[in-house]
PDB file of N, CA and C in Angstrom:
ATOM      1  N   MET A   1     -13.690   2.148  16.966  1.00  0.00           N
ATOM      2  CA  MET A   1     -13.249   1.184  16.011  1.00  0.00           C
ATOM      3  C   MET A   1     -14.233   1.392  14.693  1.00  0.00           C
ATOM      4  N   TYR A   2     -13.536   1.252  13.547  1.00  0.00           N
ATOM      5  CA  TYR A   2     -14.063   1.452  12.316  1.00  0.00           C
ATOM      6  C   TYR A   2     -14.874   0.267  11.816  1.00  0.00           C
ATOM      7  N   ASN A   3     -15.937   0.047  11.442  1.00  0.00           N
ATOM      8  CA  ASN A   3     -16.552  -1.105  10.813  1.00  0.00           C
ATOM      9  C   ASN A   3     -16.968  -0.903   9.419  1.00  0.00           C
ATOM     10  N   PHE A   4     -16.203  -1.339   8.361  1.00  0.00           N
ATOM     11  CA  PHE A   4     -16.627  -0.878   7.042  1.00  0.00           C
ATOM     12  C   PHE A   4     -16.537  -2.199   6.191  1.00  0.00           C
ATOM     13  N   THR A   5     -17.126  -2.202   5.193  1.00  0.00           N
ATOM     14  CA  THR A   5     -16.784  -3.491   4.384  1.00  0.00           C
ATOM     15  C   THR A   5     -15.959  -3.238   3.373  1.00  0.00           C
ATOM     16  N   CYS A   6     -15.142  -4.133   3.126  1.00  0.00           N
ATOM     17  CA  CYS A   6     -13.948  -4.176   2.320  1.00  0.00           C
ATOM     18  C   CYS A   6     -14.120  -4.682   0.891  1.00  0.00           C
ATOM     19  N   LYS A   7     -13.763  -3.718  -0.002  1.00  0.00           N
ATOM     20  CA  LYS A   7     -14.290  -3.926  -1.365  1.00  0.00           C
ATOM     21  C   LYS A   7     -12.943  -5.007  -1.868  1.00  0.00           C
ATOM     22  N   ALA A   8     -11.815  -4.620  -1.626  1.00  0.00           N
ATOM     23  CA  ALA A   8     -10.561  -5.370  -1.987  1.00  0.00           C
ATOM     24  C   ALA A   8      -9.338  -5.264  -1.149  1.00  0.00           C
ATOM     25  N   ASN A   9      -8.556  -6.204  -1.101  1.00  0.00           N
ATOM     26  CA  ASN A   9      -7.242  -6.148  -0.481  1.00  0.00           C
ATOM     27  C   ASN A   9      -6.222  -6.212  -1.383  1.00  0.00           C
ATOM     28  N   TYR A  10      -5.284  -5.212  -1.221  1.00  0.00           N
ATOM     29  CA  TYR A  10      -3.936  -5.277  -2.218  1.00  0.00           C
ATOM     30  C   TYR A  10      -2.718  -5.393  -1.289  1.00  0.00           C
ATOM     31  N   GLU A  11      -1.690  -6.224  -1.720  1.00  0.00           N
ATOM     32  CA  GLU A  11      -0.691  -6.145  -1.042  1.00  0.00           C
ATOM     33  C   GLU A  11       0.602  -5.385  -1.841  1.00  0.00           C
ATOM     34  N   LEU A  12       0.917  -4.520  -1.180  1.00  0.00           N
ATOM     35  CA  LEU A  12       2.237  -3.639  -1.562  1.00  0.00           C
ATOM     36  C   LEU A  12       3.325  -4.227  -1.345  1.00  0.00           C
ATOM     37  N   HIS A  13       4.412  -4.383  -2.404  1.00  0.00           N
ATOM     38  CA  HIS A  13       5.676  -4.858  -2.009  1.00  0.00           C
ATOM     39  C   HIS A  13       6.465  -3.520  -2.196  1.00  0.00           C
ATOM     40  N   ILE A  14       7.210  -3.374  -0.892  1.00  0.00           N
ATOM     41  CA  ILE A  14       7.986  -2.151  -0.842  1.00  0.00           C
ATOM     42  C   ILE A  14       9.623  -2.628  -0.694  1.00  0.00           C
ATOM     43  N   ARG A  15      10.518  -1.677  -1.359  1.00  0.00           N
ATOM     44  CA  ARG A  15      11.888  -1.970  -1.041  1.00  0.00           C
ATOM     45  C   ARG A  15      12.290  -0.705  -0.377  1.00  0.00           C
ATOM     46  N   CYS A  16      13.087  -0.857   0.602  1.00  0.00           N
ATOM     47  CA  CYS A  16      13.667   0.177   1.482  1.00  0.00           C
ATOM     48  C   CYS A  16      14.731   0.888   0.517  1.00  0.00           C
ATOM     49  N   GLU A  17      14.847   2.131   0.336  1.00  0.00           N
ATOM     50  CA  GLU A  17      15.755   2.841  -0.529  1.00  0.00           C
ATOM     51  C   GLU A  17      16.952   2.778   0.222  1.00  0.00           C
ATOM     52  N   ASN A  18      17.089   2.551   1.489  1.00  0.00           N
ATOM     53  CA  ASN A  18      18.464   2.667   2.440  1.00  0.00           C
ATOM     54  C   ASN A  18      19.163   1.441   2.436  1.00  0.00           C
ATOM     55  N   CYS A  19      18.443   0.516   2.799  1.00  0.00           N
ATOM     56  CA  CYS A  19      19.296  -1.045   3.148  1.00  0.00           C
ATOM     57  C   CYS A  19      18.725  -1.999   2.010  1.00  0.00           C
ATOM     58  N   MET A  20      17.722  -1.573   1.127  1.00  0.00           N
ATOM     59  CA  MET A  20      17.332  -2.448  -0.012  1.00  0.00           C
ATOM     60  C   MET A  20      16.605  -3.765   0.314  1.00  0.00           C
ATOM     61  N   ARG A  21      16.146  -3.709   1.575  1.00  0.00           N
ATOM     62  CA  ARG A  21      15.443  -5.037   2.099  1.00  0.00           C
ATOM     63  C   ARG A  21      14.066  -4.791   1.520  1.00  0.00           C
ATOM     64  N   GLU A  22      13.169  -5.754   1.585  1.00  0.00           N
ATOM     65  CA  GLU A  22      12.003  -5.841   0.968  1.00  0.00           C
ATOM     66  C   GLU A  22      10.941  -6.261   2.329  1.00  0.00           C
ATOM     67  N   ALA A  23       9.932  -5.411   2.067  1.00  0.00           N
ATOM     68  CA  ALA A  23       8.768  -5.710   3.058  1.00  0.00           C
ATOM     69  C   ALA A  23       7.427  -5.650   2.379  1.00  0.00           C
ATOM     70  N   SER A  24       6.475  -6.314   2.971  1.00  0.00           N
ATOM     71  CA  SER A  24       4.897  -6.117   2.186  1.00  0.00           C
ATOM     72  C   SER A  24       3.914  -5.587   3.148  1.00  0.00           C
ATOM     73  N   ARG A  25       3.054  -5.027   2.620  1.00  0.00           N
ATOM     74  CA  ARG A  25       1.898  -4.256   3.584  1.00  0.00           C
ATOM     75  C   ARG A  25       0.489  -4.639   2.614  1.00  0.00           C
ATOM     76  N   ILE A  26      -0.476  -4.880   3.734  1.00  0.00           N
ATOM     77  CA  ILE A  26      -1.761  -5.036   2.992  1.00  0.00           C
ATOM     78  C   ILE A  26      -2.581  -3.721   2.997  1.00  0.00           C
ATOM     79  N   VAL A  27      -3.247  -3.386   2.093  1.00  0.00           N
ATOM     80  CA  VAL A  27      -3.954  -2.236   2.114  1.00  0.00           C
ATOM     81  C   VAL A  27      -5.603  -2.707   1.566  1.00  0.00           C
ATOM     82  N   SER A  28      -6.485  -2.351   2.692  1.00  0.00           N
ATOM     83  CA  SER A  28      -7.813  -2.494   2.290  1.00  0.00           C
ATOM     84  C   SER A  28      -8.512  -1.548   1.822  1.00  0.00           C
ATOM     85  N   VAL A  29      -9.144  -1.665   0.684  1.00  0.00           N
ATOM     86  CA  VAL A  29      -9.959  -0.495  -0.058  1.00  0.00           C
ATOM     87  C   VAL A  29     -11.508  -0.649   0.516  1.00  0.00           C
ATOM     88  N   PRO A  30     -12.060   0.485   1.133  1.00  0.00           N
ATOM     89  CA  PRO A  30     -13.454   0.458   1.776  1.00  0.00           C
ATOM     90  C   PRO A  30     -14.258   0.332   0.398  1.00  0.00           C
ATOM     91  N   GLN A  31     -15.403  -0.298   0.767  1.00  0.00           N
ATOM     92  CA  GLN A  31     -16.599  -0.223  -0.110  1.00  0.00           C
ATOM     93  C   GLN A  31     -17.068   1.037  -0.332  1.00  0.00           C
ATOM     94  N   VAL A  32     -16.763   1.910  -1.479  1.00  0.00           N
ATOM     95  CA  VAL A  32     -17.324   3.139  -1.620  1.00  0.00           C
ATOM     96  C   VAL A  32     -17.482   3.243  -3.134  1.00  0.00           C
ATOM     97  N   ASP A  33     -18.295   4.298  -3.348  1.00  0.00           N
ATOM     98  CA  ASP A  33     -18.415   4.366  -4.986  1.00  0.00           C
ATOM     99  C   ASP A  33     -17.328   4.499  -5.796  1.00  0.00           C
ATOM    100  N   ASP A  34     -16.229   5.324  -5.343  1.00  0.00           N
ATOM    101  CA  ASP A  34     -15.232   5.638  -6.361  1.00  0.00           C
ATOM    102  C   ASP A  34     -13.867   4.840  -5.887  1.00  0.00           C
ATOM    103  N   ALA A  35     -13.951   3.705  -5.289  1.00  0.00           N
ATOM    104  CA  ALA A  35     -12.908   2.863  -4.897  1.00  0.00           C
ATOM    105  C   ALA A  35     -12.401   2.277  -6.020  1.00  0.00           C
ATOM    106  N   PRO A  36     -11.021   2.078  -6.012  1.00  0.00           N
ATOM    107  CA  PRO A  36     -10.145   1.402  -7.300  1.00  0.00           C
ATOM    108  C   PRO A  36     -10.778   0.106  -7.422  1.00  0.00           C
ATOM    109  N   GLU A  37     -10.919  -0.287  -8.654  1.00  0.00           N
ATOM    110  CA  GLU A  37     -11.278  -1.561  -8.876  1.00  0.00           C
ATOM    111  C   GLU A  37     -10.312  -2.723  -9.234  1.00  0.00           C
ATOM    112  N   ASP A  38      -9.070  -2.242  -9.775  1.00  0.00           N
ATOM    113  CA  ASP A  38      -7.980  -3.011  -9.994  1.00  0.00           C
ATOM    114  C   ASP A  38      -6.684  -2.160  -9.660  1.00  0.00           C
ATOM    115  N   VAL A  39      -5.567  -2.927  -9.805  1.00  0.00           N
ATOM    116  CA  VAL A  39      -4.216  -2.486  -9.566  1.00  0.00           C
ATOM    117  C   VAL A  39      -4.054  -1.027 -10.164  1.00  0.00           C
ATOM    118  N   GLU A  40      -4.383  -1.044 -11.493  1.00  0.00           N
ATOM    119  CA  GLU A  40      -4.053   0.218 -12.164  1.00  0.00           C
ATOM    120  C   GLU A  40      -4.714   1.393 -11.534  1.00  0.00           C
ATOM    121  N   GLU A  41      -6.048   1.152 -11.278  1.00  0.00           N
ATOM    122  CA  GLU A  41      -6.648   2.225 -10.384  1.00  0.00           C
ATOM    123  C   GLU A  41      -6.220   2.630  -9.013  1.00  0.00           C
ATOM    124  N   LEU A  42      -5.901   1.532  -8.471  1.00  0.00           N
ATOM    125  CA  LEU A  42      -5.256   1.885  -7.129  1.00  0.00           C
ATOM    126  C   LEU A  42      -4.190   2.693  -7.265  1.00  0.00           C
ATOM    127  N   LEU A  43      -3.098   2.382  -8.235  1.00  0.00           N
ATOM    128  CA  LEU A  43      -1.774   3.308  -8.345  1.00  0.00           C
ATOM    129  C   LEU A  43      -2.307   4.660  -8.926  1.00  0.00           C
ATOM    130  N   GLY A  44      -3.380   5.010  -9.706  1.00  0.00           N
ATOM    131  CA  GLY A  44      -3.504   6.219 -10.112  1.00  0.00           C
ATOM    132  C   GLY A  44      -4.414   6.950  -8.994  1.00  0.00           C
ATOM    133  N   SER A  45      -4.938   6.386  -8.196  1.00  0.00           N
ATOM    134  CA  SER A  45      -5.938   7.118  -6.847  1.00  0.00           C
ATOM    135  C   SER A  45      -4.817   7.757  -6.040  1.00  0.00           C
ATOM    136  N   GLY A  46      -5.581   8.386  -5.247  1.00  0.00           N
ATOM    137  CA  GLY A  46      -4.663   9.157  -4.262  1.00  0.00           C
ATOM    138  C   GLY A  46      -4.728   8.288  -2.872  1.00  0.00           C
ATOM    139  N   LEU A  47      -5.124   7.071  -2.965  1.00  0.00           N
ATOM    140  CA  LEU A  47      -5.186   6.308  -1.726  1.00  0.00           C
ATOM    141  C   LEU A  47      -3.799   6.042  -1.177  1.00  0.00           C
ATOM    142  N   LEU A  48      -2.885   5.748  -2.083  1.00  0.00           N
ATOM    143  CA  LEU A  48      -1.278   5.368  -1.575  1.00  0.00           C
ATOM    144  C   LEU A  48      -0.423   6.700  -1.031  1.00  0.00           C
ATOM    145  N   ALA A  49      -1.160   7.838  -1.339  1.00  0.00           N
ATOM    146  CA  ALA A  49      -0.500   9.218  -1.215  1.00  0.00           C
ATOM    147  C   ALA A  49      -0.312   9.361   0.276  1.00  0.00           C
ATOM    148  N   ASN A  50      -1.342   8.916   1.252  1.00  0.00           N
ATOM    149  CA  ASN A  50      -1.163   9.037   2.507  1.00  0.00           C
ATOM    150  C   ASN A  50      -0.589   8.053   3.237  1.00  0.00           C
ATOM    151  N   LEU A  51      -0.163   7.014   2.789  1.00  0.00           N
ATOM    152  CA  LEU A  51       0.374   5.826   3.381  1.00  0.00           C
ATOM    153  C   LEU A  51       1.859   6.168   3.759  1.00  0.00           C
ATOM    154  N   ARG A  52       2.202   5.800   5.004  1.00  0.00           N
ATOM    155  CA  ARG A  52       3.527   6.027   5.729  1.00  0.00           C
ATOM    156  C   ARG A  52       4.322   4.710   5.578  1.00  0.00           C
ATOM    157  N   PHE A  53       5.552   4.731   5.469  1.00  0.00           N
ATOM    158  CA  PHE A  53       6.655   3.584   5.521  1.00  0.00           C
ATOM    159  C   PHE A  53       7.514   3.873   6.525  1.00  0.00           C
ATOM    160  N   LYS A  54       8.053   2.870   7.149  1.00  0.00           N
ATOM    161  CA  LYS A  54       9.357   2.834   8.057  1.00  0.00           C
ATOM    162  C   LYS A  54       9.849   1.486   8.169  1.00  0.00           C
ATOM    163  N   CYS A  55      11.102   1.457   7.637  1.00  0.00           N
ATOM    164  CA  CYS A  55      11.643   0.117   7.362  1.00  0.00           C
ATOM    165  C   CYS A  55      11.927  -0.393   8.763  1.00  0.00           C
ATOM    166  N   SER A  56      11.675  -2.117   8.858  1.00  0.00           N
ATOM    167  CA  SER A  56      11.822  -2.459  10.353  1.00  0.00           C
ATOM    168  C   SER A  56      13.189  -2.830  10.750  1.00  0.00           C
ATOM    169  N   HIS A  57      14.090  -2.701   9.757  1.00  0.00           N
ATOM    170  CA  HIS A  57      15.551  -3.099   9.784  1.00  0.00           C
ATOM    171  C   HIS A  57      16.315  -1.962  10.052  1.00  0.00           C
ATOM    172  N   CYS A  58      16.052  -0.925   9.348  1.00  0.00           N
ATOM    173  CA  CYS A  58      17.220   0.367   9.566  1.00  0.00           C
ATOM    174  C   CYS A  58      16.241   1.584   9.913  1.00  0.00           C
ATOM    175  N   ASP A  59      15.076   1.570   9.807  1.00  0.00           N
ATOM    176  CA  ASP A  59      14.106   2.796  10.366  1.00  0.00           C
ATOM    177  C   ASP A  59      14.209   3.784   9.218  1.00  0.00           C
ATOM    178  N   SER A  60      14.543   3.664   8.268  1.00  0.00           N
ATOM    179  CA  SER A  60      14.439   4.446   6.930  1.00  0.00           C
ATOM    180  C   SER A  60      13.009   4.665   6.702  1.00  0.00           C
ATOM    181  N   ALA A  61      12.535   6.095   6.442  1.00  0.00           N
ATOM    182  CA  ALA A  61      11.261   6.409   5.977  1.00  0.00           C
ATOM    183  C   ALA A  61      10.949   6.477   4.570  1.00  0.00           C
ATOM    184  N   ILE A  62      12.147   6.021   3.852  1.00  0.00           N
ATOM    185  CA  ILE A  62      11.932   6.183   2.263  1.00  0.00           C
ATOM    186  C   ILE A  62      11.804   4.755   1.709  1.00  0.00           C
ATOM    187  N   GLY A  63      10.725   4.464   1.028  1.00  0.00           N
ATOM    188  CA  GLY A  63      10.491   3.068   0.648  1.00  0.00           C
ATOM    189  C   GLY A  63       9.820   3.242  -1.003  1.00  0.00           C
ATOM    190  N   ARG A  64      10.090   2.331  -1.819  1.00  0.00           N
ATOM    191  CA  ARG A  64       9.526   2.306  -3.095  1.00  0.00           C
ATOM    192  C   ARG A  64       8.746   0.979  -3.332  1.00  0.00           C
ATOM    193  N   VAL A  65       7.369   1.341  -3.761  1.00  0.00           N
ATOM    194  CA  VAL A  65       6.718   0.266  -4.192  1.00  0.00           C
ATOM    195  C   VAL A  65       7.160  -0.360  -5.602  1.00  0.00           C
ATOM    196  N   PHE A  66       7.302  -1.463  -5.590  1.00  0.00           N
ATOM    197  CA  PHE A  66       7.922  -2.136  -6.870  1.00  0.00           C
ATOM    198  C   PHE A  66       7.118  -3.240  -7.184  1.00  0.00           C
ATOM    199  N   ALA A  67       6.018  -3.540  -6.476  1.00  0.00           N
ATOM    200  CA  ALA A  67       4.945  -4.498  -7.166  1.00  0.00           C
ATOM    201  C   ALA A  67       3.641  -4.442  -6.347  1.00  0.00           C
ATOM    202  N   VAL A  68       2.608  -4.585  -6.930  1.00  0.00           N
ATOM    203  CA  VAL A  68       1.299  -4.844  -6.171  1.00  0.00           C
ATOM    204  C   VAL A  68       0.416  -5.900  -6.536  1.00  0.00           C
ATOM    205  N   THR A  69       0.156  -6.788  -5.787  1.00  0.00           N
ATOM    206  CA  THR A  69      -0.899  -7.866  -6.087  1.00  0.00           C
ATOM    207  C   THR A  69      -1.950  -7.750  -5.136  1.00  0.00           C
ATOM    208  N   ARG A  70      -3.044  -8.455  -5.794  1.00  0.00           N
ATOM    209  CA  ARG A  70      -4.252  -8.447  -5.272  1.00  0.00           C
ATOM    210  C   ARG A  70      -4.564  -9.937  -4.698  1.00  0.00           C
TER     211      ARG A  70
END
């Protein structure tokens, strides 16, 4: 189990491209030197590129982030 200090939590609001249902997911950013400080930096970082999505309703793997809140 990893034990790291969390710098910030962001909530991703995701819409399934197949069934158009919405879901949300919490992303915790670890306390490291180059961690994103705000939503704009999070979107510009490579942190979201490695996240996977699977719709709980239709099992589609294609989702689009339409909002991010902190």
